[in-house]
Structure formats: structure tokens, C-alpha cells
Protein backbone atom coordinates (compact mmCIF):
# COMPACT_ATOMS: atom_id res chain seq x y z
CA MET A 1 -2.21 -9.63 31.59
CA CYS A 2 0.26 -9.40 28.71
CA SER A 3 0.01 -6.29 26.55
CA ILE A 4 -0.47 -6.70 22.80
CA LYS A 5 2.68 -5.91 20.85
CA LEU A 6 1.48 -6.60 17.31
CA SER A 7 -1.84 -6.24 15.47
CA ILE A 8 -2.05 -7.92 12.06
CA LEU A 9 -4.77 -6.52 9.78
CA THR A 10 -6.35 -8.45 6.91
CA PRO A 11 -9.06 -7.12 4.58
CA ALA A 12 -11.07 -9.96 3.04
CA TYR A 13 -13.53 -9.57 0.19
CA ASN A 14 -14.85 -12.71 -1.53
CA ALA A 15 -11.71 -14.52 -0.46
CA GLU A 16 -13.13 -18.03 -0.06
CA LYS A 17 -10.70 -19.50 -2.61
CA VAL A 18 -7.51 -18.05 -1.11
CA ILE A 19 -7.90 -17.26 2.59
CA ASP A 20 -7.20 -20.83 3.77
CA HIS A 21 -3.53 -20.28 2.95
CA ALA A 22 -3.38 -17.08 5.02
CA ILE A 23 -5.07 -18.86 7.92
CA ASP A 24 -2.75 -21.87 7.76
CA SER A 25 0.34 -19.66 7.61
CA LEU A 26 -0.54 -17.53 10.63
CA ILE A 27 -3.06 -19.06 13.02
CA ASN A 28 -0.62 -21.32 14.90
CA GLN A 29 1.88 -18.51 15.34
CA LEU A 30 -0.44 -16.21 17.28
CA THR A 31 0.28 -15.60 20.96
CA GLU A 32 -1.08 -13.42 23.76
CA GLU A 33 1.23 -10.67 22.49
CA THR A 34 -0.50 -10.63 19.09
CA GLU A 35 -3.95 -10.13 17.61
CA TRP A 36 -5.21 -10.87 14.12
CA ILE A 37 -8.00 -8.58 12.96
CA ILE A 38 -9.79 -9.81 9.84
CA ILE A 39 -12.18 -7.33 8.21
CA ASN A 40 -14.82 -9.11 6.16
CA ASP A 41 -15.46 -6.40 3.57
CA GLY A 42 -19.05 -7.26 2.68
CA SER A 43 -18.20 -10.61 1.09
CA THR A 44 -20.98 -12.29 -0.87
CA ASP A 45 -19.33 -15.71 -1.13
CA HIS A 46 -18.38 -18.18 1.64
CA THR A 47 -15.55 -16.14 3.16
CA LEU A 48 -17.33 -15.99 6.53
CA ASP A 49 -17.78 -19.77 6.46
CA LYS A 50 -14.01 -20.11 6.06
CA LEU A 51 -13.49 -17.79 9.04
CA ASP A 52 -15.91 -19.73 11.25
CA LYS A 53 -13.22 -22.26 12.08
CA ILE A 54 -11.03 -19.61 13.75
CA LYS A 55 -13.67 -17.23 15.15
CA ASN A 56 -13.32 -18.66 18.67
CA ASN A 57 -9.56 -18.25 18.73
CA PRO A 58 -8.83 -15.73 21.55
CA PHE A 59 -6.21 -13.99 19.40
CA VAL A 60 -8.54 -13.44 16.42
CA GLN A 61 -11.09 -10.67 15.93
CA ILE A 62 -13.45 -10.78 12.95
CA ILE A 63 -15.20 -7.57 11.90
CA THR A 64 -17.89 -7.51 9.21
CA SER A 65 -18.69 -4.28 7.40
CA LYS A 66 -20.38 -3.23 4.19
CA ASN A 67 -18.20 -3.41 1.11
CA GLY A 68 -16.01 -0.33 0.82
CA GLY A 69 -12.73 -1.61 -0.59
CA ALA A 70 -9.43 -2.71 0.92
CA GLY A 71 -8.40 0.81 1.94
CA ARG A 72 -11.52 1.37 4.02
CA ALA A 73 -11.21 -2.10 5.56
CA ARG A 74 -7.58 -1.49 6.58
CA ASN A 75 -8.53 1.89 8.08
CA LEU A 76 -11.24 0.17 10.08
CA GLY A 77 -8.66 -2.35 11.28
CA ILE A 78 -6.28 0.42 12.38
CA LYS A 79 -9.14 1.99 14.34
CA HIS A 80 -9.86 -1.27 16.21
CA ALA A 81 -6.24 -2.36 16.68
CA ARG A 82 -4.87 -2.54 20.22
CA GLY A 83 -1.28 -3.51 19.43
CA GLU A 84 1.73 -1.26 19.83
CA TRP A 85 2.71 -2.12 16.25
CA ILE A 86 0.66 -2.75 13.12
CA ALA A 87 1.39 -5.20 10.30
CA PHE A 88 -0.67 -6.08 7.27
CA LEU A 89 -1.57 -9.33 5.53
CA ASP A 90 -3.72 -9.59 2.42
CA ALA A 91 -6.16 -12.49 2.29
CA ASP A 92 -4.37 -14.17 -0.62
CA ASP A 93 -0.86 -13.93 0.90
CA GLY A 94 0.86 -15.52 3.89
CA TYR A 95 3.51 -15.21 6.58
CA SER A 96 6.62 -17.37 6.62
CA ARG A 97 7.07 -20.13 9.18
CA ASN A 98 8.03 -18.99 12.70
CA SER A 99 7.98 -15.36 11.60
CA ILE A 100 5.87 -13.97 14.47
CA PRO A 101 8.40 -14.80 17.24
CA THR A 102 11.10 -13.25 15.06
CA ILE A 103 9.03 -10.09 14.50
CA LEU A 104 8.42 -9.71 18.24
CA ARG A 105 12.16 -9.92 18.95
CA TYR A 106 12.89 -7.21 16.41
CA LEU A 107 10.13 -4.96 17.78
CA SER A 108 11.83 -5.01 21.17
CA ARG A 109 15.14 -4.17 19.53
CA TYR A 110 13.81 -1.13 17.66
CA SER A 111 11.72 0.45 20.39
CA VAL A 112 12.33 4.05 19.21
CA SER A 113 11.47 3.47 15.54
CA ASP A 114 8.19 4.50 13.90
CA ILE A 115 8.62 2.22 10.87
CA ILE A 116 10.62 -0.95 10.28
CA TYR A 117 11.20 -1.52 6.54
CA THR A 118 11.88 -5.14 5.56
CA PRO A 119 12.43 -7.34 2.46
CA ARG A 120 9.77 -8.47 0.01
CA MET A 121 9.27 -12.18 -0.65
CA LYS A 122 7.23 -13.42 -3.60
CA GLN A 123 6.04 -16.74 -4.97
CA THR A 124 3.31 -18.18 -7.19
CA MET A 125 -0.01 -19.45 -5.83
CA ASP A 126 1.67 -22.84 -5.38
CA PRO A 127 2.83 -22.82 -1.71
CA HIS A 128 5.64 -25.21 -2.62
CA SER A 129 7.10 -22.96 -5.32
CA SER A 130 10.42 -21.17 -4.83
CA VAL A 131 10.47 -17.83 -3.03
CA GLN A 132 12.11 -14.76 -4.56
CA THR A 133 13.46 -12.14 -2.14
CA ASP A 134 14.01 -8.44 -2.86
CA LEU A 135 15.94 -6.47 -0.26
CA PRO A 136 14.86 -2.98 0.85
CA GLU A 137 17.03 -0.11 -0.28
CA THR A 138 19.23 1.53 2.35
CA LEU A 139 18.62 5.05 1.03
CA ILE A 140 14.92 5.85 0.55
CA LYS A 141 14.55 8.58 -2.06
CA ASN A 142 11.82 11.24 -2.02
CA ASN A 143 10.05 9.57 0.92
CA MET A 144 8.91 6.76 -1.37
CA PRO A 145 10.25 3.27 -0.55
CA ARG A 146 10.62 0.93 -3.51
CA LEU A 147 8.83 -2.02 -1.85
CA GLU A 148 5.12 -2.22 -1.05
CA PHE A 149 3.56 -0.99 2.22
CA TRP A 150 3.02 -4.49 3.59
CA THR A 151 6.78 -5.09 3.79
CA SER A 152 6.89 -2.63 6.71
CA LEU A 153 5.79 -2.60 10.35
CA TYR A 154 4.26 0.63 11.69
CA ARG A 155 3.98 1.97 15.21
CA ARG A 156 0.22 2.42 15.77
CA ASP A 157 0.51 5.66 17.76
CA TYR A 158 2.60 7.16 14.95
CA LEU A 159 -0.11 6.42 12.37
CA LEU A 160 -2.90 7.76 14.60
CA LYS A 161 -1.05 10.90 15.71
CA ASN A 162 -0.24 11.85 12.11
CA ARG A 163 -3.63 10.76 10.74
CA ILE A 164 -1.99 8.44 8.25
CA SER A 165 -4.55 6.25 6.53
CA PHE A 166 -5.41 4.65 3.21
CA TYR A 167 -7.38 6.45 0.53
CA GLU A 168 -10.88 5.06 0.06
CA TYR A 169 -11.77 6.66 -3.27
CA ARG A 170 -13.94 4.41 -5.47
CA GLU A 171 -12.92 1.37 -3.43
CA GLN A 172 -9.27 1.81 -4.43
CA ASP A 173 -6.60 2.32 -1.77
CA VAL A 174 -3.64 3.15 -4.10
CA GLU A 175 -1.12 1.79 -1.63
CA THR A 176 1.73 3.95 -2.96
CA ALA A 177 -0.07 6.98 -1.50
CA PHE A 178 -0.10 5.33 1.95
CA ARG A 179 3.56 4.49 1.48
CA TYR A 180 4.40 8.13 0.80
CA LEU A 181 2.31 9.45 3.70
CA ALA A 182 3.88 7.03 6.18
CA PHE A 183 7.49 7.55 5.12
CA SER A 184 7.29 11.34 4.66
CA ARG A 185 6.34 12.22 8.24
CA THR A 186 9.10 10.64 10.28
CA GLN A 187 12.86 10.24 10.30
CA LYS A 188 12.64 7.27 12.68
CA ILE A 189 12.78 4.60 9.98
CA THR A 190 14.78 1.42 10.43
CA VAL A 191 15.78 -0.61 7.38
CA GLU A 192 16.14 -4.25 8.45
CA PRO A 193 17.13 -6.65 5.63
CA LYS A 194 17.31 -9.66 7.96
CA LEU A 195 13.65 -9.53 9.07
CA ARG A 196 11.70 -11.52 6.49
CA PHE A 197 8.11 -12.49 7.18
CA TYR A 198 5.64 -11.54 4.43
CA ILE A 199 5.23 -13.75 1.34
CA GLN A 200 3.25 -12.19 -1.49
CA ARG A 201 1.54 -14.67 -3.78
CA ASP A 202 1.00 -13.78 -7.42
CA ASN A 203 -2.79 -14.11 -7.52
CA PRO A 204 -4.14 -13.67 -11.08
CA ASP A 205 -7.58 -12.81 -9.66
CA SER A 206 -6.39 -9.94 -7.45
CA ASN A 207 -7.33 -6.29 -8.04
CA THR A 208 -3.89 -5.68 -9.50
CA HIS A 209 -4.72 -7.96 -12.42
CA THR A 210 -8.48 -7.46 -12.81
CA TRP A 211 -9.16 -3.73 -12.41
CA ASN A 212 -10.10 -1.80 -15.55
CA LEU A 213 -6.99 0.22 -16.44
CA TYR A 214 -9.06 3.14 -17.70
CA ASN A 215 -10.62 3.55 -14.22
CA LEU A 216 -7.48 2.64 -12.28
CA TYR A 217 -5.17 5.24 -13.83
CA TYR A 218 -7.82 7.93 -13.54
CA ILE A 219 -8.31 7.15 -9.83
CA LYS A 220 -4.54 7.15 -9.26
CA ALA A 221 -4.17 10.53 -10.97
CA LEU A 222 -6.95 12.03 -8.82
CA ILE A 223 -5.51 10.60 -5.60
CA TYR A 224 -2.03 11.90 -6.33
CA ALA A 225 -3.44 15.31 -7.23
CA ASP A 226 -5.16 15.35 -3.82
CA LEU A 227 -1.97 14.16 -2.13
CA ILE A 228 -0.01 17.01 -3.73
CA GLN A 229 -2.54 19.58 -2.52
CA HIS A 230 -2.57 18.30 1.07
CA THR A 231 1.01 17.20 1.66
CA ASP A 232 2.81 19.28 4.27
CA THR A 233 6.33 18.44 3.13
CA THR A 234 8.59 21.29 2.03
CA GLU A 235 11.04 19.11 0.13
CA THR A 236 11.07 20.15 -3.52
CA ALA A 237 12.21 16.70 -4.66
CA SER A 238 9.27 15.00 -2.95
CA ILE A 239 6.74 17.36 -4.54
CA ILE A 240 8.32 16.86 -7.97
CA MET A 241 8.16 13.11 -7.46
CA LEU A 242 4.47 13.23 -6.55
CA LYS A 243 3.63 15.38 -9.55
CA SER A 244 5.65 13.11 -11.82
CA VAL A 245 3.70 10.08 -10.59
CA ALA A 246 0.42 11.90 -11.19
CA LEU A 247 1.57 12.86 -14.66
CA SER A 248 2.58 9.26 -15.44
CA CYS A 249 -0.88 8.12 -14.33
CA MET A 250 -2.43 10.68 -16.64
CA ILE A 251 -0.33 9.52 -19.58
CA ASN A 252 -1.30 5.90 -18.96
CA TYR A 253 -4.92 6.99 -18.57
CA ALA A 254 -4.76 8.67 -21.96
CA LYS A 255 -3.10 5.60 -23.48
CA VAL A 256 -5.76 3.11 -22.41
CA ASN A 257 -8.53 5.55 -23.34
CA LEU A 258 -7.03 6.32 -26.74
CA LYS A 259 -9.23 5.55 -29.71
CA GLU A 260 -7.94 5.71 -33.26
CA LYS A 261 -10.42 8.42 -34.28
CA ASP A 262 -10.41 10.37 -31.05
CA SER A 263 -8.25 13.35 -31.99
CA LYS A 264 -8.90 15.19 -28.69
CA ILE A 265 -7.32 12.44 -26.57
CA HIS A 266 -4.60 11.87 -29.18
CA ASN A 267 -3.58 15.54 -29.01
CA ARG A 268 -3.68 15.52 -25.21
CA LEU A 269 -1.44 12.46 -25.14
CA LYS A 270 1.06 14.24 -27.40
CA GLN A 271 1.02 17.25 -25.05
CA LEU A 272 1.57 15.05 -21.99
CA TYR A 273 4.54 13.35 -23.64
CA TYR A 274 5.95 16.78 -24.49
CA ILE A 275 5.74 17.82 -20.83
CA LYS A 276 7.25 14.54 -19.68
CA ASN A 277 10.19 15.02 -22.04
CA ILE A 278 10.80 18.48 -20.59
CA ILE A 279 10.79 17.05 -17.08
CA THR A 280 13.12 14.20 -18.02
CA HIS A 281 15.71 16.22 -19.92
CA THR A 282 15.79 19.49 -18.00
CA PRO A 283 18.83 19.87 -15.69
CA GLY A 284 18.01 19.97 -11.97
CA SER A 285 19.01 23.52 -11.01
CA SER A 286 16.66 25.41 -8.69
CA VAL A 287 15.41 27.63 -11.52
CA LYS A 288 14.84 24.65 -13.79
CA LEU A 289 13.00 22.86 -10.99
CA GLU A 290 10.55 25.74 -10.81
CA ILE A 291 9.99 25.39 -14.55
CA LYS A 292 9.34 21.69 -14.08
CA LYS A 293 6.85 22.45 -11.31
CA LEU A 294 5.05 24.92 -13.56
CA PHE A 295 4.68 22.43 -16.40
CA LEU A 296 3.54 19.68 -14.03
CA THR A 297 1.01 21.98 -12.39
CA LEU A 298 -0.46 22.78 -15.79
CA ALA A 299 -0.63 19.07 -16.56
CA LEU A 300 -2.41 18.33 -13.29
CA CYS A 301 -5.06 20.91 -14.16
CA TRP A 302 -6.16 18.56 -16.94
CA ILE A 303 -6.95 15.68 -14.65
CA LYS A 304 -10.54 16.70 -13.93
CA LYS A 305 -11.31 17.90 -17.43
CA GLY A 306 -12.03 14.36 -18.60
């Protein structure tokens, strides 16, 4: 019996209008070395009806759970995965033609890596539209890669051993937090610009475009505050980066919540901009970095004050 090399995880919530493309792009590429785990995240439309046509495929596993958001669904997929490596595919995106055989060849080549970081490809919802490619950076700064988490392949044992998972707060995963967790706990990262498989489609109905900004920035600020408190990294630059992201979320939160007559929020926004200016324009000596950390810590204390 052939062992499974690659598990592909797809969260699907009310995806009846888009998941056909994902199915068409991947289903004929699956082999005995692969498994596709689709997590039906409590869909209330006809997503399950769309999945009925592939439910008997021996390389497909369909899991149905109550709605908990994409982060929870992906974590459930990681728990059930049997593959040596894990890849991700959102229900409204797709894989390029003949990409699975190529991925499997690269996995054999990089047997000692924990993460393989690859290019990002993007196109519109029209499958015949042109594809734009962004290459991964060679030098990853502050443990935060520039491209999204789904551009990478992850060794499953590495994720499990280090308890790396997606946040599940208020049904938001905040994928940048997963990105940081994954890339901050290993040095065994391979950047491979020639391995191109994932095509992101610009779906106007995705969470990225439809979530209320007031709620989204607040959730992001809370998640990054938690990440700062629980990160075990000792790199000053990484901590500063995390706090800066949290602060930026807070500023955006204040912006979208700003009302013309709300002097309290207006004054807080002015204070946040003042702190951000200090961070931006202060030289990076060790003493100055401590000053930056102090100001950012004070700013983070405001997150839960509303």
C-alpha cells in the first residue's frame, strides 16, 4: 500500500457557487499518494450537493461539522490528515494543471525541509483570464513571509509537534498569525520560485471583501495581542513587528469606528498616530528599541478598553 505524501485541506462554507472550479482543477490530479480533505463548515446552501459527485472518490474525504469559521475547519483538517505534507486550497480557488505530480517531485527533493515557500498566482473569477505571478522573497524578514499561507507546503509532523494552528476567534482565522507561527519556529525553510501550483481567484464575495471592517480590525488587534503574549521567540525585531501590526490594526479600527462627534475615539486616534510616528522615525539602536517597545506596550493596553 502506497503511503500518502500530500494532504490537501479545503474549508467550504456556502460555497455552492464557486466550488465547482476547485473540484475541476484538482479531482483528476489526485493519486494514491494524495488525499483531498474537504471540511463542510456547516453550509446552509447546496455545497454538499456539489460534493456528492466526488464523495465516492477513494482519494477524497468529506467531513461535515457545525459552522465555526475557516480557521476551525482547517484545524480539523490538519487533525484528520494522514499525509506527510499538508497543502491548502480555498473553495473559491484552484490548482494549476498537472501541479500535483510536480509537487510530489519537489517533496521528494526537499525531504529535510519543514516548509516549502512558493510563488503566488492570481486571476479573476474568469478561469480564462490571465494569471499574475508574484515570486517569494529570498530573505524572509521577522519570520513573516510576504505571500499568503496557502503559497506554502508544510510538513504535518512539524505543525503537530509545535502545536501550530489557526486562530478560531469569532470565526476569523487571521491567516497572517498562522504565517508567523509557522515561519518563526523552524530554520528548515526552502524558498522554491519554480514550484507554482496555487491560483488565487479574486472572489468579490469572499470574507476579505465582505467582513465588517470595524469587527475585522478589532479581531486582528486582539489576536496579535494574544500572539505577542504567547510567542516564544527572543528576537527583538520579530516582537517589534508583531506589536507594530497590532498597532496598525488598532489605528484602522479607530478609523472605521470614527464618528465626527465622537471626541473620545478622535483623541485616541491622534494618540495612536503619535505613537506610530515615534516608532517610524526613531533610530533602531538597542536603547531606542526598548523605547519603541514601551510605547507599543502602552498602545496594546488600549485594545480591550473599547
